[in-house]
């Protein structure tokens, strides 16, 4: 009824994400992004691709989501990890510093920080 409204796509994607049916959420997230940019759709597409081992595909979505919602600690952690997996260690450290400024004791951040000290 409202083909230019992204909210039904976002709602369907949110329900699938909550049900941990991430692969099924991808088409809804992509459809939502065709109608308009949202931090939620970018974040989840990036996180799903990252979880699937598709780091190069994940990075643009994670970066866009951070531009739109820079205070999301989970997003900054995932972006840092994605940069590290892509051997962009300076960017990984920068994202981790941003995370430290928002949530200093974020779970997993200390482990990631130790891994990044090698580089």
PDB file of N, CA and C in Angstrom:
ATOM      1  N   UNK A   1       0.809  -1.186   0.000  1.00  0.00           N
ATOM      2  CA  UNK A   1       0.000   0.000   0.000  1.00  0.00           C
ATOM      3  C   UNK A   1       0.861   1.262   0.000  1.00  0.00           C
ATOM      4  N   UNK A   2       2.024   1.191   0.612  1.00  0.00           N
ATOM      5  CA  UNK A   2       2.926   2.350   0.646  1.00  0.00           C
ATOM      6  C   UNK A   2       4.305   1.902   0.151  1.00  0.00           C
ATOM      7  N   UNK A   3       4.462   1.763  -1.158  1.00  0.00           N
ATOM      8  CA  UNK A   3       5.699   1.188  -1.706  1.00  0.00           C
ATOM      9  C   UNK A   3       6.958   2.016  -1.454  1.00  0.00           C
ATOM     10  N   UNK A   4       6.835   3.271  -1.120  1.00  0.00           N
ATOM     11  CA  UNK A   4       8.009   4.099  -0.880  1.00  0.00           C
ATOM     12  C   UNK A   4       8.332   4.252   0.608  1.00  0.00           C
ATOM     13  N   UNK A   5       7.648   3.500   1.432  1.00  0.00           N
ATOM     14  CA  UNK A   5       7.846   3.546   2.877  1.00  0.00           C
ATOM     15  C   UNK A   5       8.766   2.390   3.283  1.00  0.00           C
ATOM     16  N   UNK A   6       9.897   2.713   3.882  1.00  0.00           N
ATOM     17  CA  UNK A   6      10.845   1.666   4.264  1.00  0.00           C
ATOM     18  C   UNK A   6      10.505   0.985   5.594  1.00  0.00           C
ATOM     19  N   UNK A   7       9.573   1.538   6.363  1.00  0.00           N
ATOM     20  CA  UNK A   7       9.318   0.996   7.700  1.00  0.00           C
ATOM     21  C   UNK A   7       8.825  -0.460   7.703  1.00  0.00           C
ATOM     22  N   UNK A   8       7.999  -0.917   6.753  1.00  0.00           N
ATOM     23  CA  UNK A   8       7.630  -2.342   6.790  1.00  0.00           C
ATOM     24  C   UNK A   8       8.838  -3.255   6.578  1.00  0.00           C
ATOM     25  N   UNK A   9       9.762  -2.836   5.722  1.00  0.00           N
ATOM     26  CA  UNK A   9      10.969  -3.628   5.478  1.00  0.00           C
ATOM     27  C   UNK A   9      11.845  -3.658   6.730  1.00  0.00           C
ATOM     28  N   UNK A  10      11.976  -2.508   7.368  1.00  0.00           N
ATOM     29  CA  UNK A  10      12.785  -2.433   8.589  1.00  0.00           C
ATOM     30  C   UNK A  10      12.161  -3.256   9.710  1.00  0.00           C
ATOM     31  N   UNK A  11      10.842  -3.197   9.815  1.00  0.00           N
ATOM     32  CA  UNK A  11      10.146  -3.968  10.851  1.00  0.00           C
ATOM     33  C   UNK A  11      10.328  -5.472  10.619  1.00  0.00           C
ATOM     34  N   UNK A  12      10.151  -5.912   9.373  1.00  0.00           N
ATOM     35  CA  UNK A  12      10.335  -7.336   9.055  1.00  0.00           C
ATOM     36  C   UNK A  12      11.779  -7.758   9.339  1.00  0.00           C
ATOM     37  N   UNK A  13      12.734  -6.924   8.949  1.00  0.00           N
ATOM     38  CA  UNK A  13      14.145  -7.241   9.201  1.00  0.00           C
ATOM     39  C   UNK A  13      14.421  -7.317  10.694  1.00  0.00           C
ATOM     40  N   UNK A  14      13.861  -6.397  11.453  1.00  0.00           N
ATOM     41  CA  UNK A  14      14.066  -6.380  12.901  1.00  0.00           C
ATOM     42  C   UNK A  14      13.538  -7.669  13.533  1.00  0.00           C
ATOM     43  N   UNK A  15      12.376  -8.094  13.109  1.00  0.00           N
ATOM     44  CA  UNK A  15      11.807  -9.335  13.652  1.00  0.00           C
ATOM     45  C   UNK A  15      12.689 -10.536  13.314  1.00  0.00           C
ATOM     46  N   UNK A  16      13.209 -10.570  12.089  1.00  0.00           N
ATOM     47  CA  UNK A  16      14.072 -11.682  11.689  1.00  0.00           C
ATOM     48  C   UNK A  16      15.413 -11.644  12.423  1.00  0.00           C
ATOM     49  N   UNK A  17      15.944 -10.455  12.640  1.00  0.00           N
ATOM     50  CA  UNK A  17      17.190 -10.317  13.402  1.00  0.00           C
ATOM     51  C   UNK A  17      16.973 -10.823  14.829  1.00  0.00           C
ATOM     52  N   UNK A  18      15.887 -10.411  15.448  1.00  0.00           N
ATOM     53  CA  UNK A  18      15.590 -10.851  16.812  1.00  0.00           C
ATOM     54  C   UNK A  18      15.388 -12.360  16.893  1.00  0.00           C
ATOM     55  N   UNK A  19      14.896 -12.960  15.813  1.00  0.00           N
ATOM     56  CA  UNK A  19      14.710 -14.408  15.761  1.00  0.00           C
ATOM     57  C   UNK A  19      15.993 -15.123  15.316  1.00  0.00           C
ATOM     58  N   UNK A  20      17.065 -14.358  15.126  1.00  0.00           N
ATOM     59  CA  UNK A  20      18.375 -14.870  14.685  1.00  0.00           C
ATOM     60  C   UNK A  20      18.287 -15.568  13.327  1.00  0.00           C
ATOM     61  N   UNK A  21      17.378 -15.094  12.496  1.00  0.00           N
ATOM     62  CA  UNK A  21      17.275 -15.588  11.124  1.00  0.00           C
ATOM     63  C   UNK A  21      17.912 -14.533  10.212  1.00  0.00           C
ATOM     64  N   UNK A  22      19.213 -14.362  10.405  1.00  0.00           N
ATOM     65  CA  UNK A  22      19.924 -13.241   9.795  1.00  0.00           C
ATOM     66  C   UNK A  22      19.930 -13.284   8.274  1.00  0.00           C
ATOM     67  N   UNK A  23      20.151 -14.441   7.689  1.00  0.00           N
ATOM     68  CA  UNK A  23      20.176 -14.531   6.225  1.00  0.00           C
ATOM     69  C   UNK A  23      18.846 -14.117   5.613  1.00  0.00           C
ATOM     70  N   UNK A  24      17.764 -14.446   6.299  1.00  0.00           N
ATOM     71  CA  UNK A  24      16.437 -14.081   5.804  1.00  0.00           C
ATOM     72  C   UNK A  24      16.188 -12.582   5.922  1.00  0.00           C
ATOM     73  N   UNK A  25      16.914 -11.905   6.815  1.00  0.00           N
ATOM     74  CA  UNK A  25      16.737 -10.459   7.000  1.00  0.00           C
ATOM     75  C   UNK A  25      17.402  -9.649   5.896  1.00  0.00           C
ATOM     76  N   UNK A  26      18.406 -10.219   5.244  1.00  0.00           N
ATOM     77  CA  UNK A  26      19.202  -9.467   4.253  1.00  0.00           C
ATOM     78  C   UNK A  26      18.349  -8.829   3.157  1.00  0.00           C
ATOM     79  N   UNK A  27      17.451  -9.552   2.488  1.00  0.00           N
ATOM     80  CA  UNK A  27      16.675  -8.905   1.422  1.00  0.00           C
ATOM     81  C   UNK A  27      15.828  -7.728   1.916  1.00  0.00           C
ATOM     82  N   UNK A  28      15.286  -7.851   3.118  1.00  0.00           N
ATOM     83  CA  UNK A  28      14.480  -6.759   3.672  1.00  0.00           C
ATOM     84  C   UNK A  28      15.344  -5.537   3.978  1.00  0.00           C
ATOM     85  N   UNK A  29      16.545  -5.786   4.482  1.00  0.00           N
ATOM     86  CA  UNK A  29      17.464  -4.683   4.759  1.00  0.00           C
ATOM     87  C   UNK A  29      17.889  -3.982   3.470  1.00  0.00           C
ATOM     88  N   UNK A  30      18.164  -4.774   2.453  1.00  0.00           N
ATOM     89  CA  UNK A  30      18.546  -4.182   1.159  1.00  0.00           C
ATOM     90  C   UNK A  30      17.385  -3.384   0.565  1.00  0.00           C
ATOM     91  N   UNK A  31      16.179  -3.936   0.651  1.00  0.00           N
ATOM     92  CA  UNK A  31      15.009  -3.215   0.134  1.00  0.00           C
ATOM     93  C   UNK A  31      14.812  -1.898   0.884  1.00  0.00           C
ATOM     94  N   UNK A  32      14.999  -1.931   2.191  1.00  0.00           N
ATOM     95  CA  UNK A  32      14.850  -0.706   2.989  1.00  0.00           C
ATOM     96  C   UNK A  32      15.874   0.340   2.554  1.00  0.00           C
ATOM     97  N   UNK A  33      17.102  -0.086   2.293  1.00  0.00           N
ATOM     98  CA  UNK A  33      18.145   0.863   1.884  1.00  0.00           C
ATOM     99  C   UNK A  33      17.903   1.427   0.485  1.00  0.00           C
ATOM    100  N   UNK A  34      17.195   0.689  -0.350  1.00  0.00           N
ATOM    101  CA  UNK A  34      16.847   1.231  -1.670  1.00  0.00           C
ATOM    102  C   UNK A  34      15.857   2.385  -1.533  1.00  0.00           C
ATOM    103  N   UNK A  35      15.080   2.378  -0.455  1.00  0.00           N
ATOM    104  CA  UNK A  35      14.083   3.426  -0.239  1.00  0.00           C
ATOM    105  C   UNK A  35      14.633   4.608   0.552  1.00  0.00           C
ATOM    106  N   UNK A  36      15.657   4.362   1.349  1.00  0.00           N
ATOM    107  CA  UNK A  36      16.237   5.435   2.157  1.00  0.00           C
ATOM    108  C   UNK A  36      17.301   4.882   3.085  1.00  0.00           C
ATOM    109  N   UNK A  37      18.231   5.729   3.440  1.00  0.00           N
ATOM    110  CA  UNK A  37      19.322   5.306   4.318  1.00  0.00           C
ATOM    111  C   UNK A  37      18.839   5.234   5.768  1.00  0.00           C
ATOM    112  N   UNK A  38      19.302   4.204   6.462  1.00  0.00           N
ATOM    113  CA  UNK A  38      19.022   4.103   7.893  1.00  0.00           C
ATOM    114  C   UNK A  38      20.221   3.469   8.569  1.00  0.00           C
ATOM    115  N   UNK A  39      20.514   3.932   9.772  1.00  0.00           N
ATOM    116  CA  UNK A  39      21.618   3.363  10.549  1.00  0.00           C
ATOM    117  C   UNK A  39      21.331   1.890  10.844  1.00  0.00           C
ATOM    118  N   UNK A  40      20.076   1.570  11.156  1.00  0.00           N
ATOM    119  CA  UNK A  40      19.702   0.195  11.484  1.00  0.00           C
ATOM    120  C   UNK A  40      20.006  -0.757  10.328  1.00  0.00           C
ATOM    121  N   UNK A  41      19.551  -0.423   9.126  1.00  0.00           N
ATOM    122  CA  UNK A  41      19.751  -1.318   7.979  1.00  0.00           C
ATOM    123  C   UNK A  41      21.236  -1.448   7.647  1.00  0.00           C
ATOM    124  N   UNK A  42      21.971  -0.353   7.677  1.00  0.00           N
ATOM    125  CA  UNK A  42      23.401  -0.420   7.399  1.00  0.00           C
ATOM    126  C   UNK A  42      24.130  -1.248   8.457  1.00  0.00           C
ATOM    127  N   UNK A  43      23.788  -1.011   9.716  1.00  0.00           N
ATOM    128  CA  UNK A  43      24.427  -1.751  10.811  1.00  0.00           C
ATOM    129  C   UNK A  43      24.213  -3.250  10.646  1.00  0.00           C
ATOM    130  N   UNK A  44      22.976  -3.637  10.442  1.00  0.00           N
ATOM    131  CA  UNK A  44      22.696  -5.064  10.405  1.00  0.00           C
ATOM    132  C   UNK A  44      23.204  -5.741   9.143  1.00  0.00           C
ATOM    133  N   UNK A  45      23.161  -5.061   8.016  1.00  0.00           N
ATOM    134  CA  UNK A  45      23.767  -5.668   6.829  1.00  0.00           C
ATOM    135  C   UNK A  45      25.260  -5.872   7.060  1.00  0.00           C
ATOM    136  N   UNK A  46      25.915  -4.866   7.631  1.00  0.00           N
ATOM    137  CA  UNK A  46      27.331  -4.991   7.928  1.00  0.00           C
ATOM    138  C   UNK A  46      27.615  -6.119   8.907  1.00  0.00           C
ATOM    139  N   UNK A  47      26.837  -6.196   9.968  1.00  0.00           N
ATOM    140  CA  UNK A  47      27.052  -7.234  10.966  1.00  0.00           C
ATOM    141  C   UNK A  47      26.785  -8.629  10.406  1.00  0.00           C
ATOM    142  N   UNK A  48      25.752  -8.757   9.598  1.00  0.00           N
ATOM    143  CA  UNK A  48      25.442 -10.063   9.000  1.00  0.00           C
ATOM    144  C   UNK A  48      26.566 -10.479   8.060  1.00  0.00           C
ATOM    145  N   UNK A  49      27.005  -9.568   7.198  1.00  0.00           N
ATOM    146  CA  UNK A  49      28.101  -9.906   6.292  1.00  0.00           C
ATOM    147  C   UNK A  49      29.366 -10.246   7.064  1.00  0.00           C
ATOM    148  N   UNK A  50      29.629  -9.521   8.128  1.00  0.00           N
ATOM    149  CA  UNK A  50      30.811  -9.794   8.947  1.00  0.00           C
ATOM    150  C   UNK A  50      30.708 -11.189   9.565  1.00  0.00           C
ATOM    151  N   UNK A  51      29.544 -11.514  10.086  1.00  0.00           N
ATOM    152  CA  UNK A  51      29.329 -12.835  10.676  1.00  0.00           C
ATOM    153  C   UNK A  51      29.473 -13.948   9.641  1.00  0.00           C
ATOM    154  N   UNK A  52      29.137 -13.637   8.393  1.00  0.00           N
ATOM    155  CA  UNK A  52      29.255 -14.610   7.309  1.00  0.00           C
ATOM    156  C   UNK A  52      30.675 -14.685   6.742  1.00  0.00           C
ATOM    157  N   UNK A  53      31.581 -13.902   7.305  1.00  0.00           N
ATOM    158  CA  UNK A  53      32.967 -13.905   6.835  1.00  0.00           C
ATOM    159  C   UNK A  53      33.194 -13.060   5.598  1.00  0.00           C
ATOM    160  N   UNK A  54      32.244 -12.178   5.278  1.00  0.00           N
ATOM    161  CA  UNK A  54      32.337 -11.314   4.100  1.00  0.00           C
ATOM    162  C   UNK A  54      32.772  -9.914   4.538  1.00  0.00           C
ATOM    163  N   UNK A  55      34.025  -9.822   4.965  1.00  0.00           N
ATOM    164  CA  UNK A  55      34.531  -8.579   5.548  1.00  0.00           C
ATOM    165  C   UNK A  55      34.477  -7.416   4.578  1.00  0.00           C
ATOM    166  N   UNK A  56      34.918  -7.628   3.344  1.00  0.00           N
ATOM    167  CA  UNK A  56      34.929  -6.534   2.354  1.00  0.00           C
ATOM    168  C   UNK A  56      33.522  -6.010   2.096  1.00  0.00           C
ATOM    169  N   UNK A  57      32.532  -6.901   2.068  1.00  0.00           N
ATOM    170  CA  UNK A  57      31.155  -6.477   1.866  1.00  0.00           C
ATOM    171  C   UNK A  57      30.612  -5.765   3.108  1.00  0.00           C
ATOM    172  N   UNK A  58      31.070  -6.181   4.279  1.00  0.00           N
ATOM    173  CA  UNK A  58      30.577  -5.614   5.531  1.00  0.00           C
ATOM    174  C   UNK A  58      31.048  -4.185   5.761  1.00  0.00           C
ATOM    175  N   UNK A  59      32.297  -3.893   5.421  1.00  0.00           N
ATOM    176  CA  UNK A  59      32.898  -2.609   5.770  1.00  0.00           C
ATOM    177  C   UNK A  59      32.115  -1.386   5.306  1.00  0.00           C
ATOM    178  N   UNK A  60      31.676  -1.290   4.052  1.00  0.00           N
ATOM    179  CA  UNK A  60      30.940  -0.073   3.658  1.00  0.00           C
ATOM    180  C   UNK A  60      29.669   0.152   4.468  1.00  0.00           C
ATOM    181  N   UNK A  61      28.979  -0.928   4.801  1.00  0.00           N
ATOM    182  CA  UNK A  61      27.741  -0.796   5.578  1.00  0.00           C
ATOM    183  C   UNK A  61      28.047  -0.379   7.018  1.00  0.00           C
ATOM    184  N   UNK A  62      29.074  -0.972   7.605  1.00  0.00           N
ATOM    185  CA  UNK A  62      29.447  -0.614   8.968  1.00  0.00           C
ATOM    186  C   UNK A  62      29.915   0.835   9.045  1.00  0.00           C
ATOM    187  N   UNK A  63      30.714   1.261   8.068  1.00  0.00           N
ATOM    188  CA  UNK A  63      31.185   2.654   8.054  1.00  0.00           C
ATOM    189  C   UNK A  63      30.016   3.624   7.927  1.00  0.00           C
ATOM    190  N   UNK A  64      29.086   3.322   7.038  1.00  0.00           N
ATOM    191  CA  UNK A  64      27.920   4.189   6.849  1.00  0.00           C
ATOM    192  C   UNK A  64      27.088   4.245   8.128  1.00  0.00           C
ATOM    193  N   UNK A  65      26.917   3.109   8.778  1.00  0.00           N
ATOM    194  CA  UNK A  65      26.136   3.078  10.023  1.00  0.00           C
ATOM    195  C   UNK A  65      26.796   3.919  11.102  1.00  0.00           C
ATOM    196  N   UNK A  66      28.129   3.880  11.184  1.00  0.00           N
ATOM    197  CA  UNK A  66      28.840   4.689  12.176  1.00  0.00           C
ATOM    198  C   UNK A  66      28.676   6.173  11.868  1.00  0.00           C
ATOM    199  N   UNK A  67      28.668   6.530  10.588  1.00  0.00           N
ATOM    200  CA  UNK A  67      28.432   7.932  10.218  1.00  0.00           C
ATOM    201  C   UNK A  67      27.057   8.391  10.706  1.00  0.00           C
ATOM    202  N   UNK A  68      26.086   7.492  10.654  1.00  0.00           N
ATOM    203  CA  UNK A  68      24.721   7.833  11.013  1.00  0.00           C
ATOM    204  C   UNK A  68      24.438   7.685  12.502  1.00  0.00           C
ATOM    205  N   UNK A  69      25.166   6.802  13.183  1.00  0.00           N
ATOM    206  CA  UNK A  69      24.951   6.555  14.608  1.00  0.00           C
ATOM    207  C   UNK A  69      26.266   6.318  15.321  1.00  0.00           C
ATOM    208  N   UNK A  70      27.068   7.358  15.467  1.00  0.00           N
ATOM    209  CA  UNK A  70      28.440   7.185  15.958  1.00  0.00           C
ATOM    210  C   UNK A  70      28.568   6.797  17.428  1.00  0.00           C
ATOM    211  N   UNK A  71      27.493   6.723  18.162  1.00  0.00           N
ATOM    212  CA  UNK A  71      27.562   6.420  19.594  1.00  0.00           C
ATOM    213  C   UNK A  71      27.174   4.972  19.910  1.00  0.00           C
ATOM    214  N   UNK A  72      27.092   4.121  18.920  1.00  0.00           N
ATOM    215  CA  UNK A  72      26.682   2.731  19.110  1.00  0.00           C
ATOM    216  C   UNK A  72      27.917   1.877  19.412  1.00  0.00           C
ATOM    217  N   UNK A  73      28.088   1.433  20.664  1.00  0.00           N
ATOM    218  CA  UNK A  73      29.306   0.703  21.011  1.00  0.00           C
ATOM    219  C   UNK A  73      29.467  -0.632  20.274  1.00  0.00           C
ATOM    220  N   UNK A  74      28.387  -1.370  20.091  1.00  0.00           N
ATOM    221  CA  UNK A  74      28.482  -2.647  19.374  1.00  0.00           C
ATOM    222  C   UNK A  74      28.936  -2.415  17.935  1.00  0.00           C
ATOM    223  N   UNK A  75      28.429  -1.386  17.345  1.00  0.00           N
ATOM    224  CA  UNK A  75      28.793  -1.045  15.975  1.00  0.00           C
ATOM    225  C   UNK A  75      30.270  -0.677  15.874  1.00  0.00           C
ATOM    226  N   UNK A  76      30.759   0.129  16.800  1.00  0.00           N
ATOM    227  CA  UNK A  76      32.183   0.503  16.784  1.00  0.00           C
ATOM    228  C   UNK A  76      33.078  -0.715  17.016  1.00  0.00           C
ATOM    229  N   UNK A  77      32.663  -1.597  17.885  1.00  0.00           N
ATOM    230  CA  UNK A  77      33.423  -2.828  18.121  1.00  0.00           C
ATOM    231  C   UNK A  77      33.481  -3.672  16.844  1.00  0.00           C
ATOM    232  N   UNK A  78      32.343  -3.834  16.190  1.00  0.00           N
ATOM    233  CA  UNK A  78      32.304  -4.619  14.954  1.00  0.00           C
ATOM    234  C   UNK A  78      33.108  -3.954  13.845  1.00  0.00           C
ATOM    235  N   UNK A  79      33.046  -2.634  13.753  1.00  0.00           N
ATOM    236  CA  UNK A  79      33.830  -1.924  12.745  1.00  0.00           C
ATOM    237  C   UNK A  79      35.320  -2.123  13.003  1.00  0.00           C
ATOM    238  N   UNK A  80      35.735  -2.018  14.253  1.00  0.00           N
ATOM    239  CA  UNK A  80      37.134  -2.231  14.601  1.00  0.00           C
ATOM    240  C   UNK A  80      37.577  -3.643  14.212  1.00  0.00           C
ATOM    241  N   UNK A  81      36.760  -4.620  14.543  1.00  0.00           N
ATOM    242  CA  UNK A  81      37.073  -6.004  14.181  1.00  0.00           C
ATOM    243  C   UNK A  81      37.130  -6.223  12.685  1.00  0.00           C
ATOM    244  N   UNK A  82      36.221  -5.591  11.963  1.00  0.00           N
ATOM    245  CA  UNK A  82      36.213  -5.725  10.503  1.00  0.00           C
ATOM    246  C   UNK A  82      37.473  -5.117   9.903  1.00  0.00           C
ATOM    247  N   UNK A  83      37.866  -3.944  10.385  1.00  0.00           N
ATOM    248  CA  UNK A  83      39.111  -3.337   9.920  1.00  0.00           C
ATOM    249  C   UNK A  83      40.294  -4.257  10.210  1.00  0.00           C
ATOM    250  N   UNK A  84      40.333  -4.844  11.387  1.00  0.00           N
ATOM    251  CA  UNK A  84      41.435  -5.741  11.737  1.00  0.00           C
ATOM    252  C   UNK A  84      41.473  -6.946  10.800  1.00  0.00           C
ATOM    253  N   UNK A  85      40.309  -7.528  10.536  1.00  0.00           N
ATOM    254  CA  UNK A  85      40.254  -8.667   9.621  1.00  0.00           C
ATOM    255  C   UNK A  85      40.695  -8.293   8.207  1.00  0.00           C
ATOM    256  N   UNK A  86      40.502  -7.035   7.850  1.00  0.00           N
ATOM    257  CA  UNK A  86      40.887  -6.544   6.520  1.00  0.00           C
ATOM    258  C   UNK A  86      42.321  -5.984   6.515  1.00  0.00           C
ATOM    259  N   UNK A  87      43.039  -6.199   7.592  1.00  0.00           N
ATOM    260  CA  UNK A  87      44.434  -5.749   7.732  1.00  0.00           C
ATOM    261  C   UNK A  87      44.575  -4.232   7.675  1.00  0.00           C
ATOM    262  N   UNK A  88      43.545  -3.515   8.064  1.00  0.00           N
ATOM    263  CA  UNK A  88      43.600  -2.062   8.186  1.00  0.00           C
ATOM    264  C   UNK A  88      43.735  -1.743   9.677  1.00  0.00           C
ATOM    265  N   UNK A  89      44.920  -2.036  10.192  1.00  0.00           N
ATOM    266  CA  UNK A  89      45.123  -2.017  11.640  1.00  0.00           C
ATOM    267  C   UNK A  89      45.043  -0.616  12.244  1.00  0.00           C
ATOM    268  N   UNK A  90      45.511   0.394  11.545  1.00  0.00           N
ATOM    269  CA  UNK A  90      45.427   1.761  12.075  1.00  0.00           C
ATOM    270  C   UNK A  90      43.962   2.172  12.226  1.00  0.00           C
ATOM    271  N   UNK A  91      43.146   1.842  11.244  1.00  0.00           N
ATOM    272  CA  UNK A  91      41.719   2.171  11.329  1.00  0.00           C
ATOM    273  C   UNK A  91      41.042   1.357  12.423  1.00  0.00           C
ATOM    274  N   UNK A  92      41.478   0.109  12.600  1.00  0.00           N
ATOM    275  CA  UNK A  92      40.912  -0.724  13.670  1.00  0.00           C
ATOM    276  C   UNK A  92      41.202  -0.103  15.024  1.00  0.00           C
ATOM    277  N   UNK A  93      42.418   0.383  15.207  1.00  0.00           N
ATOM    278  CA  UNK A  93      42.792   1.011  16.483  1.00  0.00           C
ATOM    279  C   UNK A  93      42.015   2.308  16.706  1.00  0.00           C
ATOM    280  N   UNK A  94      41.809   3.072  15.642  1.00  0.00           N
ATOM    281  CA  UNK A  94      41.048   4.320  15.757  1.00  0.00           C
ATOM    282  C   UNK A  94      39.606   4.043  16.182  1.00  0.00           C
ATOM    283  N   UNK A  95      38.981   3.051  15.563  1.00  0.00           N
ATOM    284  CA  UNK A  95      37.606   2.690  15.928  1.00  0.00           C
ATOM    285  C   UNK A  95      37.551   2.195  17.369  1.00  0.00           C
ATOM    286  N   UNK A  96      38.563   1.457  17.790  1.00  0.00           N
ATOM    287  CA  UNK A  96      38.599   0.960  19.155  1.00  0.00           C
ATOM    288  C   UNK A  96      38.762   2.102  20.158  1.00  0.00           C
ATOM    289  N   UNK A  97      39.535   3.130  19.795  1.00  0.00           N
ATOM    290  CA  UNK A  97      39.676   4.308  20.665  1.00  0.00           C
ATOM    291  C   UNK A  97      38.347   5.043  20.800  1.00  0.00           C
ATOM    292  N   UNK A  98      37.612   5.134  19.694  1.00  0.00           N
ATOM    293  CA  UNK A  98      36.283   5.756  19.759  1.00  0.00           C
ATOM    294  C   UNK A  98      35.377   4.969  20.689  1.00  0.00           C
ATOM    295  N   UNK A  99      35.458   3.637  20.599  1.00  0.00           N
ATOM    296  CA  UNK A  99      34.668   2.775  21.472  1.00  0.00           C
ATOM    297  C   UNK A  99      35.043   3.020  22.928  1.00  0.00           C
ATOM    298  N   UNK A 100      36.337   3.123  23.212  1.00  0.00           N
ATOM    299  CA  UNK A 100      36.790   3.362  24.585  1.00  0.00           C
ATOM    300  C   UNK A 100      36.223   4.670  25.142  1.00  0.00           C
ATOM    301  N   UNK A 101      36.065   5.660  24.277  1.00  0.00           N
ATOM    302  CA  UNK A 101      35.504   6.934  24.713  1.00  0.00           C
ATOM    303  C   UNK A 101      34.024   6.849  25.048  1.00  0.00           C
ATOM    304  N   UNK A 102      33.343   5.884  24.471  1.00  0.00           N
ATOM    305  CA  UNK A 102      31.904   5.725  24.689  1.00  0.00           C
ATOM    306  C   UNK A 102      31.624   4.695  25.780  1.00  0.00           C
ATOM    307  N   UNK A 103      32.286   3.563  25.692  1.00  0.00           N
ATOM    308  CA  UNK A 103      32.075   2.471  26.652  1.00  0.00           C
ATOM    309  C   UNK A 103      33.420   1.804  26.921  1.00  0.00           C
ATOM    310  N   UNK A 104      34.167   2.299  27.908  1.00  0.00           N
ATOM    311  CA  UNK A 104      35.537   1.837  28.162  1.00  0.00           C
ATOM    312  C   UNK A 104      35.692   0.338  28.413  1.00  0.00           C
ATOM    313  N   UNK A 105      34.731  -0.294  29.020  1.00  0.00           N
ATOM    314  CA  UNK A 105      34.865  -1.721  29.355  1.00  0.00           C
ATOM    315  C   UNK A 105      33.969  -2.596  28.491  1.00  0.00           C
ATOM    316  N   UNK A 106      33.849  -2.260  27.217  1.00  0.00           N
ATOM    317  CA  UNK A 106      32.973  -3.029  26.337  1.00  0.00           C
ATOM    318  C   UNK A 106      33.484  -4.473  26.243  1.00  0.00           C
ATOM    319  N   UNK A 107      32.587  -5.465  26.368  1.00  0.00           N
ATOM    320  CA  UNK A 107      33.022  -6.871  26.316  1.00  0.00           C
ATOM    321  C   UNK A 107      33.759  -7.197  25.011  1.00  0.00           C
ATOM    322  N   UNK A 108      34.918  -7.794  25.159  1.00  0.00           N
ATOM    323  CA  UNK A 108      35.709  -8.192  24.004  1.00  0.00           C
ATOM    324  C   UNK A 108      36.717  -7.158  23.550  1.00  0.00           C
ATOM    325  N   UNK A 109      36.554  -5.911  23.988  1.00  0.00           N
ATOM    326  CA  UNK A 109      37.447  -4.845  23.533  1.00  0.00           C
ATOM    327  C   UNK A 109      38.881  -5.063  24.006  1.00  0.00           C
ATOM    328  N   UNK A 110      39.054  -5.552  25.231  1.00  0.00           N
ATOM    329  CA  UNK A 110      40.410  -5.798  25.731  1.00  0.00           C
ATOM    330  C   UNK A 110      41.121  -6.871  24.901  1.00  0.00           C
ATOM    331  N   UNK A 111      40.400  -7.925  24.540  1.00  0.00           N
ATOM    332  CA  UNK A 111      40.992  -8.969  23.705  1.00  0.00           C
ATOM    333  C   UNK A 111      41.389  -8.419  22.333  1.00  0.00           C
ATOM    334  N   UNK A 112      40.511  -7.648  21.746  1.00  0.00           N
ATOM    335  CA  UNK A 112      40.803  -7.047  20.445  1.00  0.00           C
ATOM    336  C   UNK A 112      42.000  -6.106  20.546  1.00  0.00           C
ATOM    337  N   UNK A 113      42.048  -5.335  21.608  1.00  0.00           N
ATOM    338  CA  UNK A 113      43.155  -4.402  21.830  1.00  0.00           C
ATOM    339  C   UNK A 113      44.492  -5.156  21.925  1.00  0.00           C
ATOM    340  N   UNK A 114      44.490  -6.279  22.658  1.00  0.00           N
ATOM    341  CA  UNK A 114      45.712  -7.089  22.779  1.00  0.00           C
ATOM    342  C   UNK A 114      46.144  -7.630  21.422  1.00  0.00           C
ATOM    343  N   UNK A 115      45.193  -8.064  20.632  1.00  0.00           N
ATOM    344  CA  UNK A 115      45.512  -8.582  19.305  1.00  0.00           C
ATOM    345  C   UNK A 115      46.082  -7.489  18.407  1.00  0.00           C
ATOM    346  N   UNK A 116      45.558  -6.290  18.529  1.00  0.00           N
ATOM    347  CA  UNK A 116      46.012  -5.190  17.691  1.00  0.00           C
ATOM    348  C   UNK A 116      47.387  -4.656  18.097  1.00  0.00           C
ATOM    349  N   UNK A 117      47.830  -4.932  19.313  1.00  0.00           N
ATOM    350  CA  UNK A 117      49.142  -4.455  19.755  1.00  0.00           C
ATOM    351  C   UNK A 117      50.269  -5.050  18.924  1.00  0.00           C
ATOM    352  N   UNK A 118      50.013  -6.183  18.298  1.00  0.00           N
ATOM    353  CA  UNK A 118      51.017  -6.811  17.449  1.00  0.00           C
ATOM    354  C   UNK A 118      51.301  -5.996  16.191  1.00  0.00           C
ATOM    355  N   UNK A 119      50.388  -5.119  15.840  1.00  0.00           N
ATOM    356  CA  UNK A 119      50.484  -4.430  14.546  1.00  0.00           C
ATOM    357  C   UNK A 119      50.690  -2.947  14.715  1.00  0.00           C
TER     358      UNK A 119
END
